[in-house]
Amino acid sequence: MSPDLIAIAISMGTTAAVGAVGAAVSLAVSRKSVTAATLTAPLVIVISVTAGVMVSASAMFLEGPGLELLFWVLAAAVPPALLIGVLLSTQVRRMDRDRAAQEASRRREADLEQSRRDMVAWISHDLRTPLAGIRAMTEALEDGVVDDPADYHRRILAETERTAAMVDDLLSLTSLHAGTMTRRDDPVNLADLVSDTLATAGVTAQARGVLQTGSCSPGLVVRGDTSQLSRAVLNLVSNGLQHTPPTRTVTLAGRRDGPDAVLTVVDGCGGIPVEELERVFEAGWRGSTGRTPELGPGGKTGAGLGLAIVAAVASNHGGEASVTNVDGGCCFELRLPLATAQEA
């Protein structure tokens, strides 16, 4: 083998060996910091190429002024090469992050669009039932085949109110998601909110034979829209009353947790399957057959939008809604940032 080929082989071997060691170091660094690994990769390339050139120069017996000149040429070339490599790797990483963000945004938009379609389908299905009942009762009244017209009038009114409640829920949820619903920014005393909610839900609780209790730590004040927050808390309590068997208890409580106020509703529904917990606040979710709504606020059947409205109201007030299983039931939690002393 000629001396030139030997020098080339030595250069390739040295470059590969140094590059392999550097790559191993870069991979180890990436486990702790991807950014550090991004900056390390160009350095590994430059060092491995430099080592290969220097070793091959020695193998070719290049020495004296020639070797010194080669050293300085490499020393002058390394910084710009390293800078270009760092800039290139940083730009590639930025482009990768942008692509990932765009992909995530596309997935969110697709999920949101699918959610809208599902919601329209659920609402359309749910509206057919009361509308069909109203039509049938109206035709019966028109044909004069009804023994008790007053009872039919009451039932038509009830179905009309039920339909109107579904439409109101749909409009509210759409406005909350779109950010077009006007939101007041007033101090809201949660003790008053808890008291008013229990009074409003008391009729439903009594009708179902469910016990209802409540408490709230004093001095809990948040900033927000009283009507929206009242609706969200009433939805949580009504949801608990829907699925709690008679003689069992639904408890509404308010407490402080650091900078937040936390409202919890603990029911006796028996729990929600773990695989469905993350879907509880989706529009139209109703879970298993045992959790199909029977009564909503005011004793009306809902369209599966109540808990979705809770989550939307929480988000609209800088908070969040969550649910966990507890012994014998579920604990729904509405977390809201407390107002400062100046805001209160």
C-alpha atoms as a PDB file:
ATOM      1  CA  MET A   1       0.000   0.000   0.000  1.00  0.00           C
ATOM      2  CA  SER A   2       1.350   3.419  -0.958  1.00  0.00           C
ATOM      3  CA  PRO A   3       2.253   5.976   1.752  1.00  0.00           C
ATOM      4  CA  ASP A   4      -0.575   8.242   0.554  1.00  0.00           C
ATOM      5  CA  LEU A   5      -3.194   5.506   0.980  1.00  0.00           C
ATOM      6  CA  ILE A   6      -1.766   4.624   4.390  1.00  0.00           C
ATOM      7  CA  ALA A   7      -2.057   8.272   5.486  1.00  0.00           C
ATOM      8  CA  ILE A   8      -5.654   8.430   4.197  1.00  0.00           C
ATOM      9  CA  ALA A   9      -6.558   5.213   6.015  1.00  0.00           C
ATOM     10  CA  ILE A  10      -4.988   6.484   9.250  1.00  0.00           C
ATOM     11  CA  SER A  11      -6.861   9.788   8.880  1.00  0.00           C
ATOM     12  CA  MET A  12     -10.181   7.995   8.339  1.00  0.00           C
ATOM     13  CA  GLY A  13      -9.608   5.649  11.267  1.00  0.00           C
ATOM     14  CA  THR A  14      -8.598   8.442  13.624  1.00  0.00           C
ATOM     15  CA  THR A  15     -11.541  10.623  12.563  1.00  0.00           C
ATOM     16  CA  ALA A  16     -13.970   7.708  13.029  1.00  0.00           C
ATOM     17  CA  ALA A  17     -12.544   6.755  16.436  1.00  0.00           C
ATOM     18  CA  VAL A  18     -12.560  10.301  17.816  1.00  0.00           C
ATOM     19  CA  GLY A  19     -15.999  10.907  16.293  1.00  0.00           C
ATOM     20  CA  ALA A  20     -17.390   7.736  17.897  1.00  0.00           C
ATOM     21  CA  VAL A  21     -16.125   8.744  21.332  1.00  0.00           C
ATOM     22  CA  GLY A  22     -17.475  12.269  20.845  1.00  0.00           C
ATOM     23  CA  ALA A  23     -20.841  10.934  19.672  1.00  0.00           C
ATOM     24  CA  ALA A  24     -21.080   8.773  22.783  1.00  0.00           C
ATOM     25  CA  VAL A  25     -20.347  11.816  24.947  1.00  0.00           C
ATOM     26  CA  SER A  26     -22.915  13.889  23.039  1.00  0.00           C
ATOM     27  CA  LEU A  27     -25.588  11.203  23.485  1.00  0.00           C
ATOM     28  CA  ALA A  28     -24.836  11.030  27.203  1.00  0.00           C
ATOM     29  CA  VAL A  29     -25.158  14.804  27.454  1.00  0.00           C
ATOM     30  CA  SER A  30     -28.482  14.725  25.553  1.00  0.00           C
ATOM     31  CA  ARG A  31     -30.074  12.684  28.338  1.00  0.00           C
ATOM     32  CA  LYS A  32     -29.629  15.662  30.654  1.00  0.00           C
ATOM     33  CA  SER A  33     -29.886  18.573  28.228  1.00  0.00           C
ATOM     34  CA  VAL A  34     -30.886  18.472  24.569  1.00  0.00           C
ATOM     35  CA  THR A  35     -29.670  22.050  24.151  1.00  0.00           C
ATOM     36  CA  ALA A  36     -26.188  21.158  25.427  1.00  0.00           C
ATOM     37  CA  ALA A  37     -26.097  18.151  23.104  1.00  0.00           C
ATOM     38  CA  THR A  38     -27.046  20.396  20.175  1.00  0.00           C
ATOM     39  CA  LEU A  39     -24.074  22.635  20.934  1.00  0.00           C
ATOM     40  CA  THR A  40     -21.740  19.678  21.536  1.00  0.00           C
ATOM     41  CA  ALA A  41     -22.410  17.932  18.207  1.00  0.00           C
ATOM     42  CA  PRO A  42     -20.586  20.479  15.956  1.00  0.00           C
ATOM     43  CA  LEU A  43     -17.632  20.500  18.355  1.00  0.00           C
ATOM     44  CA  VAL A  44     -17.380  16.709  18.074  1.00  0.00           C
ATOM     45  CA  ILE A  45     -17.267  16.942  14.279  1.00  0.00           C
ATOM     46  CA  VAL A  46     -14.587  19.644  14.255  1.00  0.00           C
ATOM     47  CA  ILE A  47     -12.386  17.833  16.800  1.00  0.00           C
ATOM     48  CA  SER A  48     -12.655  14.490  14.999  1.00  0.00           C
ATOM     49  CA  VAL A  49     -11.756  16.029  11.618  1.00  0.00           C
ATOM     50  CA  THR A  50      -8.854  17.984  13.164  1.00  0.00           C
ATOM     51  CA  ALA A  51      -7.522  14.866  14.874  1.00  0.00           C
ATOM     52  CA  GLY A  52      -7.712  12.902  11.627  1.00  0.00           C
ATOM     53  CA  VAL A  53      -5.838  15.572   9.685  1.00  0.00           C
ATOM     54  CA  MET A  54      -3.109  15.977  12.313  1.00  0.00           C
ATOM     55  CA  VAL A  55      -2.528  12.243  12.662  1.00  0.00           C
ATOM     56  CA  SER A  56      -2.370  11.753   8.904  1.00  0.00           C
ATOM     57  CA  ALA A  57       0.076  14.654   8.645  1.00  0.00           C
ATOM     58  CA  SER A  58       2.319  12.961  11.206  1.00  0.00           C
ATOM     59  CA  ALA A  59       2.013   9.673   9.331  1.00  0.00           C
ATOM     60  CA  MET A  60       3.217  11.429   6.178  1.00  0.00           C
ATOM     61  CA  PHE A  61       6.258  12.625   8.136  1.00  0.00           C
ATOM     62  CA  LEU A  62       5.204  16.208   7.720  1.00  0.00           C
ATOM     63  CA  GLU A  63       7.255  18.127  10.249  1.00  0.00           C
ATOM     64  CA  GLY A  64       8.954  21.408  10.972  1.00  0.00           C
ATOM     65  CA  PRO A  65       7.505  24.525   9.317  1.00  0.00           C
ATOM     66  CA  GLY A  66       5.056  22.484   7.252  1.00  0.00           C
ATOM     67  CA  LEU A  67       3.475  20.801  10.270  1.00  0.00           C
ATOM     68  CA  GLU A  68       3.414  24.102  12.150  1.00  0.00           C
ATOM     69  CA  LEU A  69       1.694  25.809   9.204  1.00  0.00           C
ATOM     70  CA  LEU A  70      -0.875  23.033   9.028  1.00  0.00           C
ATOM     71  CA  PHE A  71      -1.538  23.417  12.734  1.00  0.00           C
ATOM     72  CA  TRP A  72      -2.173  27.137  12.405  1.00  0.00           C
ATOM     73  CA  VAL A  73      -4.336  26.650   9.323  1.00  0.00           C
ATOM     74  CA  LEU A  74      -6.515  24.237  11.270  1.00  0.00           C
ATOM     75  CA  ALA A  75      -6.532  26.527  14.300  1.00  0.00           C
ATOM     76  CA  ALA A  76      -7.775  29.366  12.080  1.00  0.00           C
ATOM     77  CA  ALA A  77     -10.402  27.171  10.406  1.00  0.00           C
ATOM     78  CA  VAL A  78     -11.824  25.587  13.555  1.00  0.00           C
ATOM     79  CA  PRO A  79     -13.567  28.662  15.100  1.00  0.00           C
ATOM     80  CA  PRO A  80     -15.591  29.667  11.994  1.00  0.00           C
ATOM     81  CA  ALA A  81     -16.369  26.016  11.287  1.00  0.00           C
ATOM     82  CA  LEU A  82     -17.500  25.545  14.869  1.00  0.00           C
ATOM     83  CA  LEU A  83     -19.586  28.734  14.759  1.00  0.00           C
ATOM     84  CA  ILE A  84     -21.247  27.660  11.527  1.00  0.00           C
ATOM     85  CA  GLY A  85     -21.959  24.226  12.996  1.00  0.00           C
ATOM     86  CA  VAL A  86     -23.494  25.686  16.175  1.00  0.00           C
ATOM     87  CA  LEU A  87     -25.624  28.157  14.211  1.00  0.00           C
ATOM     88  CA  LEU A  88     -26.745  25.431  11.831  1.00  0.00           C
ATOM     89  CA  SER A  89     -27.626  22.980  14.608  1.00  0.00           C
ATOM     90  CA  THR A  90     -29.448  25.715  16.546  1.00  0.00           C
ATOM     91  CA  GLN A  91     -31.457  26.658  13.462  1.00  0.00           C
ATOM     92  CA  VAL A  92     -32.286  23.021  12.752  1.00  0.00           C
ATOM     93  CA  ARG A  93     -33.432  22.596  16.338  1.00  0.00           C
ATOM     94  CA  ARG A  94     -35.554  25.735  16.099  1.00  0.00           C
ATOM     95  CA  MET A  95     -37.134  24.500  12.887  1.00  0.00           C
ATOM     96  CA  ASP A  96     -37.800  21.144  14.532  1.00  0.00           C
ATOM     97  CA  ARG A  97     -39.521  22.888  17.460  1.00  0.00           C
ATOM     98  CA  ASP A  98     -41.588  24.982  15.048  1.00  0.00           C
ATOM     99  CA  ARG A  99     -42.635  21.886  13.129  1.00  0.00           C
ATOM    100  CA  ALA A 100     -43.577  20.136  16.365  1.00  0.00           C
ATOM    101  CA  ALA A 101     -45.580  23.173  17.496  1.00  0.00           C
ATOM    102  CA  GLN A 102     -47.364  23.383  14.133  1.00  0.00           C
ATOM    103  CA  GLU A 103     -48.156  19.682  14.252  1.00  0.00           C
ATOM    104  CA  ALA A 104     -49.486  19.998  17.799  1.00  0.00           C
ATOM    105  CA  SER A 105     -51.585  22.985  16.722  1.00  0.00           C
ATOM    106  CA  ARG A 106     -52.985  21.024  13.779  1.00  0.00           C
ATOM    107  CA  ARG A 107     -53.845  18.134  16.084  1.00  0.00           C
ATOM    108  CA  ARG A 108     -55.555  20.479  18.548  1.00  0.00           C
ATOM    109  CA  GLU A 109     -57.555  22.086  15.740  1.00  0.00           C
ATOM    110  CA  ALA A 110     -58.534  18.664  14.393  1.00  0.00           C
ATOM    111  CA  ASP A 111     -59.555  17.506  17.878  1.00  0.00           C
ATOM    112  CA  LEU A 112     -61.522  20.716  18.427  1.00  0.00           C
ATOM    113  CA  GLU A 113     -63.274  20.364  15.082  1.00  0.00           C
ATOM    114  CA  GLN A 114     -64.143  16.757  15.868  1.00  0.00           C
ATOM    115  CA  SER A 115     -65.387  17.860  19.283  1.00  0.00           C
ATOM    116  CA  ARG A 116     -67.634  20.453  17.623  1.00  0.00           C
ATOM    117  CA  ARG A 117     -69.028  17.863  15.245  1.00  0.00           C
ATOM    118  CA  ASP A 118     -69.649  15.441  18.080  1.00  0.00           C
ATOM    119  CA  MET A 119     -71.328  18.165  20.114  1.00  0.00           C
ATOM    120  CA  VAL A 120     -73.626  19.106  17.243  1.00  0.00           C
ATOM    121  CA  ALA A 121     -74.476  15.428  16.760  1.00  0.00           C
ATOM    122  CA  TRP A 122     -75.220  14.950  20.476  1.00  0.00           C
ATOM    123  CA  ILE A 123     -77.322  18.108  20.670  1.00  0.00           C
ATOM    124  CA  SER A 124     -79.223  17.187  17.497  1.00  0.00           C
ATOM    125  CA  HIS A 125     -79.958  13.754  18.934  1.00  0.00           C
ATOM    126  CA  ASP A 126     -81.023  15.135  22.308  1.00  0.00           C
ATOM    127  CA  LEU A 127     -83.243  17.830  20.814  1.00  0.00           C
ATOM    128  CA  ARG A 128     -85.180  15.291  18.770  1.00  0.00           C
ATOM    129  CA  THR A 129     -86.623  13.661  21.890  1.00  0.00           C
ATOM    130  CA  PRO A 130     -88.323  16.702  23.471  1.00  0.00           C
ATOM    131  CA  LEU A 131     -89.327  18.090  20.070  1.00  0.00           C
ATOM    132  CA  ALA A 132     -90.900  14.788  19.082  1.00  0.00           C
ATOM    133  CA  GLY A 133     -92.776  14.710  22.384  1.00  0.00           C
ATOM    134  CA  ILE A 134     -94.013  18.281  21.940  1.00  0.00           C
ATOM    135  CA  ARG A 135     -95.164  17.516  18.414  1.00  0.00           C
ATOM    136  CA  ALA A 136     -96.981  14.339  19.443  1.00  0.00           C
ATOM    137  CA  MET A 137     -98.762  16.046  22.358  1.00  0.00           C
ATOM    138  CA  THR A 138     -99.679  19.049  20.197  1.00  0.00           C
ATOM    139  CA  GLU A 139    -101.178  16.793  17.521  1.00  0.00           C
ATOM    140  CA  ALA A 140    -103.111  14.874  20.160  1.00  0.00           C
ATOM    141  CA  LEU A 141    -104.536  18.132  21.530  1.00  0.00           C
ATOM    142  CA  GLU A 142    -105.397  19.298  18.023  1.00  0.00           C
ATOM    143  CA  ASP A 143    -107.184  16.017  17.268  1.00  0.00           C
ATOM    144  CA  GLY A 144    -109.144  16.247  20.530  1.00  0.00           C
ATOM    145  CA  VAL A 145    -108.147  12.774  21.726  1.00  0.00           C
ATOM    146  CA  VAL A 146    -106.763  13.898  25.082  1.00  0.00           C
ATOM    147  CA  ASP A 147    -108.646  13.199  28.300  1.00  0.00           C
ATOM    148  CA  ASP A 148    -106.664  15.732  30.384  1.00  0.00           C
ATOM    149  CA  PRO A 149    -105.586  18.708  28.231  1.00  0.00           C
ATOM    150  CA  ALA A 150    -104.193  20.549  31.276  1.00  0.00           C
ATOM    151  CA  ASP A 151    -101.727  17.722  31.918  1.00  0.00           C
ATOM    152  CA  TYR A 152    -100.594  17.845  28.298  1.00  0.00           C
ATOM    153  CA  HIS A 153    -100.139  21.604  28.545  1.00  0.00           C
ATOM    154  CA  ARG A 154     -97.923  21.165  31.603  1.00  0.00           C
ATOM    155  CA  ARG A 155     -95.887  18.483  29.871  1.00  0.00           C
ATOM    156  CA  ILE A 156     -95.473  20.601  26.734  1.00  0.00           C
ATOM    157  CA  LEU A 157     -94.263  23.496  28.885  1.00  0.00           C
ATOM    158  CA  ALA A 158     -91.811  21.206  30.677  1.00  0.00           C
ATOM    159  CA  GLU A 159     -90.428  19.854  27.395  1.00  0.00           C
ATOM    160  CA  THR A 160     -90.166  23.385  25.999  1.00  0.00           C
ATOM    161  CA  GLU A 161     -88.168  24.508  29.057  1.00  0.00           C
ATOM    162  CA  ARG A 162     -85.965  21.434  28.724  1.00  0.00           C
ATOM    163  CA  THR A 163     -85.267  22.226  25.069  1.00  0.00           C
ATOM    164  CA  ALA A 164     -84.550  25.871  25.865  1.00  0.00           C
ATOM    165  CA  ALA A 165     -82.106  24.805  28.599  1.00  0.00           C
ATOM    166  CA  MET A 166     -80.212  22.625  26.108  1.00  0.00           C
ATOM    167  CA  VAL A 167     -79.966  25.486  23.624  1.00  0.00           C
ATOM    168  CA  ASP A 168     -78.813  27.855  26.391  1.00  0.00           C
ATOM    169  CA  ASP A 169     -76.104  25.378  27.408  1.00  0.00           C
ATOM    170  CA  LEU A 170     -74.927  25.025  23.825  1.00  0.00           C
ATOM    171  CA  LEU A 171     -74.798  28.787  23.277  1.00  0.00           C
ATOM    172  CA  SER A 172     -73.004  29.347  26.593  1.00  0.00           C
ATOM    173  CA  LEU A 173     -70.399  26.676  25.895  1.00  0.00           C
ATOM    174  CA  THR A 174     -69.811  27.966  22.363  1.00  0.00           C
ATOM    175  CA  SER A 175     -69.392  31.540  23.622  1.00  0.00           C
ATOM    176  CA  LEU A 176     -67.021  30.468  26.399  1.00  0.00           C
ATOM    177  CA  HIS A 177     -64.848  28.457  24.024  1.00  0.00           C
ATOM    178  CA  ALA A 178     -64.816  31.282  21.473  1.00  0.00           C
ATOM    179  CA  GLY A 179     -64.024  33.880  24.142  1.00  0.00           C
ATOM    180  CA  THR A 180     -66.970  36.032  23.037  1.00  0.00           C
ATOM    181  CA  MET A 181     -68.986  35.796  26.249  1.00  0.00           C
ATOM    182  CA  THR A 182     -68.794  39.011  28.250  1.00  0.00           C
ATOM    183  CA  ARG A 183     -67.228  38.394  31.656  1.00  0.00           C
ATOM    184  CA  ARG A 184     -67.606  40.724  34.582  1.00  0.00           C
ATOM    185  CA  ASP A 185     -64.683  41.198  36.939  1.00  0.00           C
ATOM    186  CA  ASP A 186     -66.238  41.639  40.360  1.00  0.00           C
ATOM    187  CA  PRO A 187     -65.191  40.365  43.795  1.00  0.00           C
ATOM    188  CA  VAL A 188     -67.084  37.129  44.474  1.00  0.00           C
ATOM    189  CA  ASN A 189     -67.415  35.856  48.045  1.00  0.00           C
ATOM    190  CA  LEU A 190     -67.321  32.073  47.843  1.00  0.00           C
ATOM    191  CA  ALA A 191     -69.138  31.617  51.158  1.00  0.00           C
ATOM    192  CA  ASP A 192     -72.153  33.417  49.649  1.00  0.00           C
ATOM    193  CA  LEU A 193     -71.771  31.420  46.456  1.00  0.00           C
ATOM    194  CA  VAL A 194     -71.812  28.122  48.366  1.00  0.00           C
ATOM    195  CA  SER A 195     -74.854  29.192  50.396  1.00  0.00           C
ATOM    196  CA  ASP A 196     -76.810  30.320  47.319  1.00  0.00           C
ATOM    197  CA  THR A 197     -75.954  27.142  45.401  1.00  0.00           C
ATOM    198  CA  LEU A 198     -77.158  24.877  48.209  1.00  0.00           C
ATOM    199  CA  ALA A 199     -80.400  26.844  48.448  1.00  0.00           C
ATOM    200  CA  THR A 200     -81.002  26.613  44.694  1.00  0.00           C
ATOM    201  CA  ALA A 201     -80.219  22.872  44.521  1.00  0.00           C
ATOM    202  CA  GLY A 202     -82.186  22.109  47.680  1.00  0.00           C
ATOM    203  CA  VAL A 203     -85.439  21.442  45.820  1.00  0.00           C
ATOM    204  CA  THR A 204     -83.781  18.873  43.559  1.00  0.00           C
ATOM    205  CA  ALA A 205     -82.009  17.247  46.496  1.00  0.00           C
ATOM    206  CA  GLN A 206     -85.256  16.938  48.419  1.00  0.00           C
ATOM    207  CA  ALA A 207     -87.101  15.528  45.406  1.00  0.00           C
ATOM    208  CA  ARG A 208     -84.439  12.841  44.952  1.00  0.00           C
ATOM    209  CA  GLY A 209     -84.094  12.079  48.651  1.00  0.00           C
ATOM    210  CA  VAL A 210     -80.390  12.993  48.602  1.00  0.00           C
ATOM    211  CA  LEU A 211     -78.804  14.666  51.613  1.00  0.00           C
ATOM    212  CA  GLN A 212     -76.951  17.910  50.952  1.00  0.00           C
ATOM    213  CA  THR A 213     -74.301  19.565  53.106  1.00  0.00           C
ATOM    214  CA  GLY A 214     -71.937  22.464  52.642  1.00  0.00           C
ATOM    215  CA  SER A 215     -69.301  24.644  54.250  1.00  0.00           C
ATOM    216  CA  CYS A 216     -66.801  27.310  53.269  1.00  0.00           C
ATOM    217  CA  SER A 217     -63.761  28.818  54.954  1.00  0.00           C
ATOM    218  CA  PRO A 218     -64.306  32.519  55.682  1.00  0.00           C
ATOM    219  CA  GLY A 219     -62.647  35.254  53.662  1.00  0.00           C
ATOM    220  CA  LEU A 220     -62.411  33.413  50.339  1.00  0.00           C
ATOM    221  CA  VAL A 221     -62.851  36.002  47.607  1.00  0.00           C
ATOM    222  CA  VAL A 222     -62.096  35.597  43.892  1.00  0.00           C
ATOM    223  CA  ARG A 223     -62.409  37.984  40.975  1.00  0.00           C
ATOM    224  CA  GLY A 224     -64.837  37.033  38.266  1.00  0.00           C
ATOM    225  CA  ASP A 225     -68.355  36.865  36.921  1.00  0.00           C
ATOM    226  CA  THR A 226     -70.822  35.892  39.630  1.00  0.00           C
ATOM    227  CA  SER A 227     -73.383  34.426  37.225  1.00  0.00           C
ATOM    228  CA  GLN A 228     -70.818  32.264  35.410  1.00  0.00           C
ATOM    229  CA  LEU A 229     -69.263  30.993  38.636  1.00  0.00           C
ATOM    230  CA  SER A 230     -72.704  30.333  40.136  1.00  0.00           C
ATOM    231  CA  ARG A 231     -73.661  28.322  37.097  1.00  0.00           C
ATOM    232  CA  ALA A 232     -70.462  26.296  37.199  1.00  0.00           C
ATOM    233  CA  VAL A 233     -70.843  25.417  40.899  1.00  0.00           C
ATOM    234  CA  LEU A 234     -74.551  24.648  40.467  1.00  0.00           C
ATOM    235  CA  ASN A 235     -73.681  22.353  37.547  1.00  0.00           C
ATOM    236  CA  LEU A 236     -71.238  20.451  39.763  1.00  0.00           C
ATOM    237  CA  VAL A 237     -73.750  20.070  42.594  1.00  0.00           C
ATOM    238  CA  SER A 238     -76.560  19.127  40.198  1.00  0.00           C
ATOM    239  CA  ASN A 239     -74.311  16.550  38.565  1.00  0.00           C
ATOM    240  CA  GLY A 240     -73.651  15.050  41.994  1.00  0.00           C
ATOM    241  CA  LEU A 241     -77.366  14.975  42.804  1.00  0.00           C
ATOM    242  CA  GLN A 242     -78.125  13.265  39.479  1.00  0.00           C
ATOM    243  CA  HIS A 243     -75.917  10.297  40.209  1.00  0.00           C
ATOM    244  CA  THR A 244     -76.119   9.929  43.986  1.00  0.00           C
ATOM    245  CA  PRO A 245     -78.645   7.342  45.261  1.00  0.00           C
ATOM    246  CA  PRO A 246     -81.308   8.418  47.777  1.00  0.00           C
ATOM    247  CA  THR A 247     -80.236   8.732  51.438  1.00  0.00           C
ATOM    248  CA  ARG A 248     -76.614   9.330  50.433  1.00  0.00           C
ATOM    249  CA  THR A 249     -74.883  12.730  50.633  1.00  0.00           C
ATOM    250  CA  VAL A 250     -73.529  15.374  48.286  1.00  0.00           C
ATOM    251  CA  THR A 251     -71.102  17.787  49.964  1.00  0.00           C
ATOM    252  CA  LEU A 252     -70.065  21.199  48.675  1.00  0.00           C
ATOM    253  CA  ALA A 253     -67.060  22.783  50.423  1.00  0.00           C
ATOM    254  CA  GLY A 254     -64.752  25.730  49.900  1.00  0.00           C
ATOM    255  CA  ARG A 255     -61.209  26.063  51.245  1.00  0.00           C
ATOM    256  CA  ARG A 256     -57.942  27.892  50.710  1.00  0.00           C
ATOM    257  CA  ASP A 257     -54.981  26.121  49.091  1.00  0.00           C
ATOM    258  CA  GLY A 258     -52.010  28.464  48.859  1.00  0.00           C
ATOM    259  CA  PRO A 259     -52.798  31.239  46.372  1.00  0.00           C
ATOM    260  CA  ASP A 260     -55.972  29.475  45.216  1.00  0.00           C
ATOM    261  CA  ALA A 261     -59.494  28.922  46.408  1.00  0.00           C
ATOM    262  CA  VAL A 262     -60.759  25.376  45.918  1.00  0.00           C
ATOM    263  CA  LEU A 263     -64.436  24.410  45.703  1.00  0.00           C
ATOM    264  CA  THR A 264     -65.054  20.662  45.953  1.00  0.00           C
ATOM    265  CA  VAL A 265     -68.194  18.628  45.374  1.00  0.00           C
ATOM    266  CA  VAL A 266     -68.075  15.084  46.738  1.00  0.00           C
ATOM    267  CA  ASP A 267     -70.923  12.809  45.648  1.00  0.00           C
ATOM    268  CA  GLY A 268     -71.947   9.203  46.205  1.00  0.00           C
ATOM    269  CA  CYS A 269     -72.106   8.068  42.583  1.00  0.00           C
ATOM    270  CA  GLY A 270     -69.914   5.012  43.164  1.00  0.00           C
ATOM    271  CA  GLY A 271     -67.029   6.325  41.072  1.00  0.00           C
ATOM    272  CA  ILE A 272     -66.146   6.707  37.409  1.00  0.00           C
ATOM    273  CA  PRO A 273     -64.116   4.118  35.454  1.00  0.00           C
ATOM    274  CA  VAL A 274     -60.472   5.201  35.454  1.00  0.00           C
ATOM    275  CA  GLU A 275     -60.281   5.127  31.655  1.00  0.00           C
ATOM    276  CA  GLU A 276     -63.132   7.661  31.466  1.00  0.00           C
ATOM    277  CA  LEU A 277     -61.864  10.162  34.057  1.00  0.00           C
ATOM    278  CA  GLU A 278     -59.946  12.242  31.507  1.00  0.00           C
ATOM    279  CA  ARG A 279     -63.104  12.580  29.361  1.00  0.00           C
ATOM    280  CA  VAL A 280     -65.429  13.791  32.105  1.00  0.00           C
ATOM    281  CA  PHE A 281     -65.237  17.464  31.062  1.00  0.00           C
ATOM    282  CA  GLU A 282     -65.672  16.782  27.341  1.00  0.00           C
ATOM    283  CA  ALA A 283     -68.795  18.208  25.741  1.00  0.00           C
ATOM    284  CA  GLY A 284     -71.491  15.544  25.517  1.00  0.00           C
ATOM    285  CA  TRP A 285     -69.740  13.035  27.806  1.00  0.00           C
ATOM    286  CA  ARG A 286     -72.138  10.924  29.800  1.00  0.00           C
ATOM    287  CA  GLY A 287     -70.040   7.922  30.635  1.00  0.00           C
ATOM    288  CA  SER A 288     -71.602   4.581  31.366  1.00  0.00           C
ATOM    289  CA  THR A 289     -75.309   3.835  31.282  1.00  0.00           C
ATOM    290  CA  GLY A 290     -75.454   4.234  35.036  1.00  0.00           C
ATOM    291  CA  ARG A 291     -74.407   7.874  34.685  1.00  0.00           C
ATOM    292  CA  THR A 292     -76.887   8.851  31.981  1.00  0.00           C
ATOM    293  CA  PRO A 293     -78.425  12.114  33.210  1.00  0.00           C
ATOM    294  CA  GLU A 294     -81.824  11.990  34.799  1.00  0.00           C
ATOM    295  CA  LEU A 295     -82.031  15.458  36.301  1.00  0.00           C
ATOM    296  CA  GLY A 296     -80.178  18.675  35.657  1.00  0.00           C
ATOM    297  CA  PRO A 297     -80.434  22.052  37.353  1.00  0.00           C
ATOM    298  CA  GLY A 298     -84.042  22.597  38.214  1.00  0.00           C
ATOM    299  CA  GLY A 299     -84.897  18.966  37.589  1.00  0.00           C
ATOM    300  CA  LYS A 300     -84.486  18.989  33.804  1.00  0.00           C
ATOM    301  CA  THR A 301     -82.657  16.438  31.691  1.00  0.00           C
ATOM    302  CA  GLY A 302     -79.484  17.928  30.209  1.00  0.00           C
ATOM    303  CA  ALA A 303     -77.495  17.419  27.042  1.00  0.00           C
ATOM    304  CA  GLY A 304     -74.203  16.391  28.607  1.00  0.00           C
ATOM    305  CA  LEU A 305     -72.787  19.925  28.495  1.00  0.00           C
ATOM    306  CA  GLY A 306     -72.895  20.823  32.197  1.00  0.00           C
ATOM    307  CA  LEU A 307     -69.395  19.653  33.110  1.00  0.00           C
ATOM    308  CA  ALA A 308     -67.948  21.033  29.867  1.00  0.00           C
ATOM    309  CA  ILE A 309     -69.360  24.418  30.900  1.00  0.00           C
ATOM    310  CA  VAL A 310     -67.690  24.025  34.321  1.00  0.00           C
ATOM    311  CA  ALA A 311     -64.299  23.473  32.666  1.00  0.00           C
ATOM    312  CA  ALA A 312     -64.832  26.403  30.280  1.00  0.00           C
ATOM    313  CA  VAL A 313     -65.838  28.765  33.111  1.00  0.00           C
ATOM    314  CA  ALA A 314     -62.821  27.675  35.164  1.00  0.00           C
ATOM    315  CA  SER A 315     -60.474  28.329  32.238  1.00  0.00           C
ATOM    316  CA  ASN A 316     -62.183  31.677  31.588  1.00  0.00           C
ATOM    317  CA  HIS A 317     -61.330  32.686  35.186  1.00  0.00           C
ATOM    318  CA  GLY A 318     -57.701  31.528  35.113  1.00  0.00           C
ATOM    319  CA  GLY A 319     -58.472  28.310  37.014  1.00  0.00           C
ATOM    320  CA  GLU A 320     -59.075  24.656  36.261  1.00  0.00           C
ATOM    321  CA  ALA A 321     -61.546  21.863  36.910  1.00  0.00           C
ATOM    322  CA  SER A 322     -60.614  18.279  37.768  1.00  0.00           C
ATOM    323  CA  VAL A 323     -62.122  15.073  39.112  1.00  0.00           C
ATOM    324  CA  THR A 324     -60.854  12.108  41.100  1.00  0.00           C
ATOM    325  CA  ASN A 325     -62.461   8.986  42.480  1.00  0.00           C
ATOM    326  CA  VAL A 326     -62.914   8.803  46.238  1.00  0.00           C
ATOM    327  CA  ASP A 327     -64.395   6.167  48.518  1.00  0.00           C
ATOM    328  CA  GLY A 328     -67.955   5.605  47.310  1.00  0.00           C
ATOM    329  CA  GLY A 329     -68.048   8.374  44.752  1.00  0.00           C
ATOM    330  CA  CYS A 330     -66.241  11.231  43.016  1.00  0.00           C
ATOM    331  CA  CYS A 331     -64.637  14.480  44.091  1.00  0.00           C
ATOM    332  CA  PHE A 332     -65.007  17.303  41.568  1.00  0.00           C
ATOM    333  CA  GLU A 333     -62.690  20.234  42.151  1.00  0.00           C
ATOM    334  CA  LEU A 334     -62.954  23.805  40.876  1.00  0.00           C
ATOM    335  CA  ARG A 335     -59.715  25.719  41.512  1.00  0.00           C
ATOM    336  CA  LEU A 336     -59.666  29.520  41.161  1.00  0.00           C
ATOM    337  CA  PRO A 337     -56.987  32.133  41.928  1.00  0.00           C
ATOM    338  CA  LEU A 338     -57.769  34.118  45.068  1.00  0.00           C
ATOM    339  CA  ALA A 339     -58.188  37.874  44.783  1.00  0.00           C
ATOM    340  CA  THR A 340     -55.467  39.972  46.341  1.00  0.00           C
ATOM    341  CA  ALA A 341     -56.239  42.269  49.276  1.00  0.00           C
ATOM    342  CA  GLN A 342     -56.409  45.238  46.896  1.00  0.00           C
ATOM    343  CA  GLU A 343     -58.702  43.395  44.426  1.00  0.00           C
ATOM    344  CA  ALA A 344     -61.030  42.169  47.164  1.00  0.00           C
END
